Amino acid sequence: MKLKMLLSTALLACALSLAGTPAPAQTYPSKPIKIIVPVTPGGAIDIIARLVGEKMRISLGVPVVIENKPGASNNLGADIAAKSAPDGYTILIVASSHATSKFVYKDLSYDPVKDFEPIVYTHVVPLLLAVNPGVPAKTVPELIAWIKANPGQASYGSSGPGGSLHMAAELFMSMSGTKMLHVPYKGSAAAHPDLIGGRTKMIFDTVSAIQGHVKSGAVRGLAVTTLTRSSVFPGLPTISEAALPGYDASTWGGMLAPAGTPKEIVAKLNTVINAALKDEDVRAKLIASGIEVQGGTPEQFDSFIKSEIEKWGKVMKDAGIEPE
């Protein structure tokens, strides 16, 4: 009798233990998956979340819900995701500000590395260096010379402190030995009227956001910020080839899960999202928007995030930018 009681107790304990663990990959998913997008609808990461989410729905056979949680410079959505259950039913798509937030905000409520499991590196959006037509420079070397000769006039707009547009300008100044006045806005679209009107002189903006103004002639495109040319503007050189060898800046993005999400579930999500990124319809729509498709393993994305944190942390330290 005593042996039977001990066996029953052991079996009950085992059952309770199993009930408290996340669902294994073979039964995942069994309910809707939520993708948190930490920005308003319409941007690059929102576009990708919706395109990829639809392919995930078809592949996994469950609804995939896109939930926009803008606020606090993308930190609100990241904080919500970091505190979600690590069961594969809440994932987060991040932009490149994920690598700089810890250097901008003193009291960041999450750790960009420790609180997440990388799933996949989804995309890169090249930035484009554009100037007001009143700036006489037609090339990057001419622009550098003009900035050095006119330091009081050299102002640039950005989408806010610590964002990819701001960081691209800081890297440009560091490598070219120039100084420019930073004029932050609440989003790059808000910066366009002043750029077109000549109240600011230049911007490093995503190809997808600025391409209409470049094509219309409202602003002049000089170069792109990635090491390879943009498929949208193949005639424009890279800043690296035009003047500053090794210069490389962009806004990028990828999918993360809360820390502790089982590796087999992360692997399953990685497989499904990579397949979605290879879909011809998805690729065509992203490329048309100036978004370069990536992909790869969770380990590759993990290494990339850490390298970006190290790179931009140094840029911000050298620029004297302190967290607030």
Foldseek 3Di string as FASTA:
>chain_A
DVVVVVVVVVVVVVVVVVVPDADDPVPPDDEEAEEEEQADPDDLQNLLCVLLQVLCCVVRVYHYHYHYRYDPPSLRSVLVQLPDDLRLRYKYKDKLLLLQQVQAAVPRPDNSQQFWQFQKFWWWFWWWKKWAPVQPDQAPVSVLVVCVVCVVQAEEEDLDPSDLFVLLVLLVCVQSVGDHHYDYDNGVVVVVVCRLVSVHTITGGTCLVCVVCCVVVSIPTHAIQAPAGFPVCNVHHHCCVRPGPPGHTTMTMGMIGTPPNDPSSSNVSLVSSQVSLPDPVSVVVCSVSRIGTDGDGSVVVSVVSVVSSVVSVVSCVVVVNGHD
